[in-house]
Amino acid sequence: MTNLFDNHNYTSVIDGSLLNKTFSYSINAAAIAALPDLRTFGVKAKYSF
């Protein structure tokens, strides 16, 4: 089972900015984030007196 606690935090983030010929950042900048797989199986238990 993956993602047991149904965590929605990013698993990784990388910089997607491009460098131009002068090695300075261009106007186009991006951050690319990887999201975790959603939980595919779960068990719910409830107990009361």
PDB file of N, CA and C in Angstrom:
ATOM      1  N   MET A   1       0.859  -1.173   0.000  1.00  0.00           N
ATOM      2  CA  MET A   1       0.000   0.000   0.000  1.00  0.00           C
ATOM      3  C   MET A   1       0.904   1.235   0.000  1.00  0.00           C
ATOM      4  N   THR A   2       0.566   2.195  -0.808  1.00  0.00           N
ATOM      5  CA  THR A   2       1.317   3.450  -0.822  1.00  0.00           C
ATOM      6  C   THR A   2       0.486   4.560  -0.201  1.00  0.00           C
ATOM      7  N   ASN A   3       1.166   5.537   0.352  1.00  0.00           N
ATOM      8  CA  ASN A   3       0.532   6.714   0.941  1.00  0.00           C
ATOM      9  C   ASN A   3      -0.493   6.320   2.009  1.00  0.00           C
ATOM     10  N   LEU A   4      -0.030   5.613   3.011  1.00  0.00           N
ATOM     11  CA  LEU A   4      -0.890   5.057   4.060  1.00  0.00           C
ATOM     12  C   LEU A   4      -1.747   6.123   4.740  1.00  0.00           C
ATOM     13  N   PHE A   5      -1.177   7.291   5.034  1.00  0.00           N
ATOM     14  CA  PHE A   5      -1.911   8.330   5.764  1.00  0.00           C
ATOM     15  C   PHE A   5      -2.505   9.389   4.843  1.00  0.00           C
ATOM     16  N   ASP A   6      -2.592   9.118   3.540  1.00  0.00           N
ATOM     17  CA  ASP A   6      -3.188  10.020   2.546  1.00  0.00           C
ATOM     18  C   ASP A   6      -2.523  11.399   2.587  1.00  0.00           C
ATOM     19  N   ASN A   7      -1.205  11.384   2.544  1.00  0.00           N
ATOM     20  CA  ASN A   7      -0.404  12.598   2.600  1.00  0.00           C
ATOM     21  C   ASN A   7      -0.495  13.352   1.278  1.00  0.00           C
ATOM     22  N   HIS A   8      -0.735  14.659   1.309  1.00  0.00           N
ATOM     23  CA  HIS A   8      -0.859  15.473   0.102  1.00  0.00           C
ATOM     24  C   HIS A   8       0.342  16.386  -0.117  1.00  0.00           C
ATOM     25  N   ASN A   9       1.435  16.203   0.633  1.00  0.00           N
ATOM     26  CA  ASN A   9       2.637  17.029   0.471  1.00  0.00           C
ATOM     27  C   ASN A   9       3.389  16.627  -0.789  1.00  0.00           C
ATOM     28  N   TYR A  10       4.148  17.560  -1.341  1.00  0.00           N
ATOM     29  CA  TYR A  10       4.946  17.286  -2.521  1.00  0.00           C
ATOM     30  C   TYR A  10       6.025  16.259  -2.194  1.00  0.00           C
ATOM     31  N   THR A  11       6.291  15.360  -3.127  1.00  0.00           N
ATOM     32  CA  THR A  11       7.366  14.397  -2.920  1.00  0.00           C
ATOM     33  C   THR A  11       8.700  14.972  -3.368  1.00  0.00           C
ATOM     34  N   SER A  12       8.690  15.846  -4.382  1.00  0.00           N
ATOM     35  CA  SER A  12       9.904  16.532  -4.808  1.00  0.00           C
ATOM     36  C   SER A  12       9.527  17.773  -5.612  1.00  0.00           C
ATOM     37  N   VAL A  13      10.425  18.749  -5.613  1.00  0.00           N
ATOM     38  CA  VAL A  13      10.237  19.981  -6.380  1.00  0.00           C
ATOM     39  C   VAL A  13      11.557  20.299  -7.058  1.00  0.00           C
ATOM     40  N   ILE A  14      11.491  20.630  -8.355  1.00  0.00           N
ATOM     41  CA  ILE A  14      12.701  21.011  -9.075  1.00  0.00           C
ATOM     42  C   ILE A  14      12.494  22.367  -9.734  1.00  0.00           C
ATOM     43  N   ASP A  15      13.591  23.038  -9.999  1.00  0.00           N
ATOM     44  CA  ASP A  15      13.567  24.344 -10.642  1.00  0.00           C
ATOM     45  C   ASP A  15      13.514  24.135 -12.154  1.00  0.00           C
ATOM     46  N   GLY A  16      12.541  24.758 -12.817  1.00  0.00           N
ATOM     47  CA  GLY A  16      12.397  24.613 -14.255  1.00  0.00           C
ATOM     48  C   GLY A  16      12.788  25.868 -15.009  1.00  0.00           C
ATOM     49  N   SER A  17      13.644  26.704 -14.429  1.00  0.00           N
ATOM     50  CA  SER A  17      14.068  27.941 -15.077  1.00  0.00           C
ATOM     51  C   SER A  17      15.064  27.642 -16.192  1.00  0.00           C
ATOM     52  N   LEU A  18      15.076  28.483 -17.181  1.00  0.00           N
ATOM     53  CA  LEU A  18      16.004  28.330 -18.294  1.00  0.00           C
ATOM     54  C   LEU A  18      17.084  29.400 -18.219  1.00  0.00           C
ATOM     55  N   LEU A  19      18.296  29.048 -18.591  1.00  0.00           N
ATOM     56  CA  LEU A  19      19.396  30.007 -18.654  1.00  0.00           C
ATOM     57  C   LEU A  19      19.581  30.454 -20.099  1.00  0.00           C
ATOM     58  N   ASN A  20      19.878  31.737 -20.278  1.00  0.00           N
ATOM     59  CA  ASN A  20      20.168  32.213 -21.632  1.00  0.00           C
ATOM     60  C   ASN A  20      21.682  32.212 -21.879  1.00  0.00           C
ATOM     61  N   LYS A  21      22.141  32.760 -22.965  1.00  0.00           N
ATOM     62  CA  LYS A  21      23.560  32.697 -23.327  1.00  0.00           C
ATOM     63  C   LYS A  21      24.473  33.395 -22.332  1.00  0.00           C
ATOM     64  N   THR A  22      23.968  34.394 -21.616  1.00  0.00           N
ATOM     65  CA  THR A  22      24.807  35.113 -20.651  1.00  0.00           C
ATOM     66  C   THR A  22      24.735  34.481 -19.260  1.00  0.00           C
ATOM     67  N   PHE A  23      24.147  33.304 -19.144  1.00  0.00           N
ATOM     68  CA  PHE A  23      23.993  32.571 -17.893  1.00  0.00           C
ATOM     69  C   PHE A  23      23.198  33.335 -16.838  1.00  0.00           C
ATOM     70  N   SER A  24      22.300  34.182 -17.294  1.00  0.00           N
ATOM     71  CA  SER A  24      21.371  34.821 -16.365  1.00  0.00           C
ATOM     72  C   SER A  24      20.003  34.195 -16.589  1.00  0.00           C
ATOM     73  N   TYR A  25      19.186  34.218 -15.578  1.00  0.00           N
ATOM     74  CA  TYR A  25      17.860  33.604 -15.703  1.00  0.00           C
ATOM     75  C   TYR A  25      17.012  34.344 -16.720  1.00  0.00           C
ATOM     76  N   SER A  26      16.260  33.602 -17.484  1.00  0.00           N
ATOM     77  CA  SER A  26      15.350  34.210 -18.449  1.00  0.00           C
ATOM     78  C   SER A  26      14.041  34.579 -17.745  1.00  0.00           C
ATOM     79  N   ILE A  27      13.157  35.200 -18.465  1.00  0.00           N
ATOM     80  CA  ILE A  27      11.874  35.626 -17.898  1.00  0.00           C
ATOM     81  C   ILE A  27      11.002  34.414 -17.565  1.00  0.00           C
ATOM     82  N   ASN A  28      11.135  33.357 -18.336  1.00  0.00           N
ATOM     83  CA  ASN A  28      10.335  32.152 -18.099  1.00  0.00           C
ATOM     84  C   ASN A  28      10.923  31.363 -16.934  1.00  0.00           C
ATOM     85  N   ALA A  29      10.216  31.335 -15.837  1.00  0.00           N
ATOM     86  CA  ALA A  29      10.663  30.597 -14.658  1.00  0.00           C
ATOM     87  C   ALA A  29       9.543  29.660 -14.220  1.00  0.00           C
ATOM     88  N   ALA A  30       9.923  28.521 -13.666  1.00  0.00           N
ATOM     89  CA  ALA A  30       8.916  27.551 -13.251  1.00  0.00           C
ATOM     90  C   ALA A  30       9.444  26.712 -12.099  1.00  0.00           C
ATOM     91  N   ALA A  31       8.521  26.179 -11.336  1.00  0.00           N
ATOM     92  CA  ALA A  31       8.834  25.174 -10.322  1.00  0.00           C
ATOM     93  C   ALA A  31       7.969  23.961 -10.646  1.00  0.00           C
ATOM     94  N   ILE A  32       8.602  22.815 -10.782  1.00  0.00           N
ATOM     95  CA  ILE A  32       7.884  21.602 -11.151  1.00  0.00           C
ATOM     96  C   ILE A  32       7.800  20.717  -9.910  1.00  0.00           C
ATOM     97  N   ALA A  33       6.568  20.399  -9.500  1.00  0.00           N
ATOM     98  CA  ALA A  33       6.351  19.627  -8.278  1.00  0.00           C
ATOM     99  C   ALA A  33       5.776  18.259  -8.614  1.00  0.00           C
ATOM    100  N   ALA A  34       6.236  17.252  -7.891  1.00  0.00           N
ATOM    101  CA  ALA A  34       5.720  15.894  -8.036  1.00  0.00           C
ATOM    102  C   ALA A  34       4.781  15.615  -6.870  1.00  0.00           C
ATOM    103  N   LEU A  35       3.589  15.190  -7.181  1.00  0.00           N
ATOM    104  CA  LEU A  35       2.600  14.879  -6.156  1.00  0.00           C
ATOM    105  C   LEU A  35       2.609  13.386  -5.853  1.00  0.00           C
ATOM    106  N   PRO A  36       2.274  12.996  -4.631  1.00  0.00           N
ATOM    107  CA  PRO A  36       2.263  11.570  -4.296  1.00  0.00           C
ATOM    108  C   PRO A  36       1.050  10.869  -4.898  1.00  0.00           C
ATOM    109  N   ASP A  37       1.157   9.560  -5.041  1.00  0.00           N
ATOM    110  CA  ASP A  37      -0.002   8.769  -5.466  1.00  0.00           C
ATOM    111  C   ASP A  37      -1.042   8.817  -4.359  1.00  0.00           C
ATOM    112  N   LEU A  38      -2.304   8.850  -4.746  1.00  0.00           N
ATOM    113  CA  LEU A  38      -3.372   8.864  -3.751  1.00  0.00           C
ATOM    114  C   LEU A  38      -3.515   7.489  -3.122  1.00  0.00           C
ATOM    115  N   ARG A  39      -4.029   7.470  -1.918  1.00  0.00           N
ATOM    116  CA  ARG A  39      -4.250   6.201  -1.232  1.00  0.00           C
ATOM    117  C   ARG A  39      -5.283   5.397  -2.015  1.00  0.00           C
ATOM    118  N   THR A  40      -5.015   4.137  -2.225  1.00  0.00           N
ATOM    119  CA  THR A  40      -5.919   3.299  -3.019  1.00  0.00           C
ATOM    120  C   THR A  40      -6.697   2.312  -2.168  1.00  0.00           C
ATOM    121  N   PHE A  41      -6.344   2.171  -0.905  1.00  0.00           N
ATOM    122  CA  PHE A  41      -7.025   1.230  -0.037  1.00  0.00           C
ATOM    123  C   PHE A  41      -7.010   1.800   1.369  1.00  0.00           C
ATOM    124  N   GLY A  42      -8.110   1.654   2.068  1.00  0.00           N
ATOM    125  CA  GLY A  42      -8.161   2.170   3.428  1.00  0.00           C
ATOM    126  C   GLY A  42      -9.064   1.323   4.309  1.00  0.00           C
ATOM    127  N   VAL A  43      -8.841   1.403   5.594  1.00  0.00           N
ATOM    128  CA  VAL A  43      -9.655   0.692   6.576  1.00  0.00           C
ATOM    129  C   VAL A  43     -10.112   1.707   7.602  1.00  0.00           C
ATOM    130  N   LYS A  44     -11.389   1.674   7.909  1.00  0.00           N
ATOM    131  CA  LYS A  44     -11.930   2.576   8.922  1.00  0.00           C
ATOM    132  C   LYS A  44     -12.535   1.728  10.033  1.00  0.00           C
ATOM    133  N   ALA A  45     -12.150   2.028  11.263  1.00  0.00           N
ATOM    134  CA  ALA A  45     -12.662   1.274  12.400  1.00  0.00           C
ATOM    135  C   ALA A  45     -13.228   2.259  13.421  1.00  0.00           C
ATOM    136  N   LYS A  46     -14.326   1.870  14.048  1.00  0.00           N
ATOM    137  CA  LYS A  46     -14.964   2.717  15.051  1.00  0.00           C
ATOM    138  C   LYS A  46     -15.391   1.824  16.213  1.00  0.00           C
ATOM    139  N   TYR A  47     -15.108   2.283  17.415  1.00  0.00           N
ATOM    140  CA  TYR A  47     -15.458   1.523  18.606  1.00  0.00           C
ATOM    141  C   TYR A  47     -16.042   2.471  19.630  1.00  0.00           C
ATOM    142  N   SER A  48     -17.150   2.107  20.216  1.00  0.00           N
ATOM    143  CA  SER A  48     -17.754   2.941  21.261  1.00  0.00           C
ATOM    144  C   SER A  48     -18.282   2.039  22.379  1.00  0.00           C
ATOM    145  N   PHE A  49     -18.395   2.606  23.557  1.00  0.00           N
ATOM    146  CA  PHE A  49     -18.914   1.870  24.701  1.00  0.00           C
ATOM    147  C   PHE A  49     -20.394   2.013  24.812  1.00  0.00           C
TER     148      PHE A  49
END
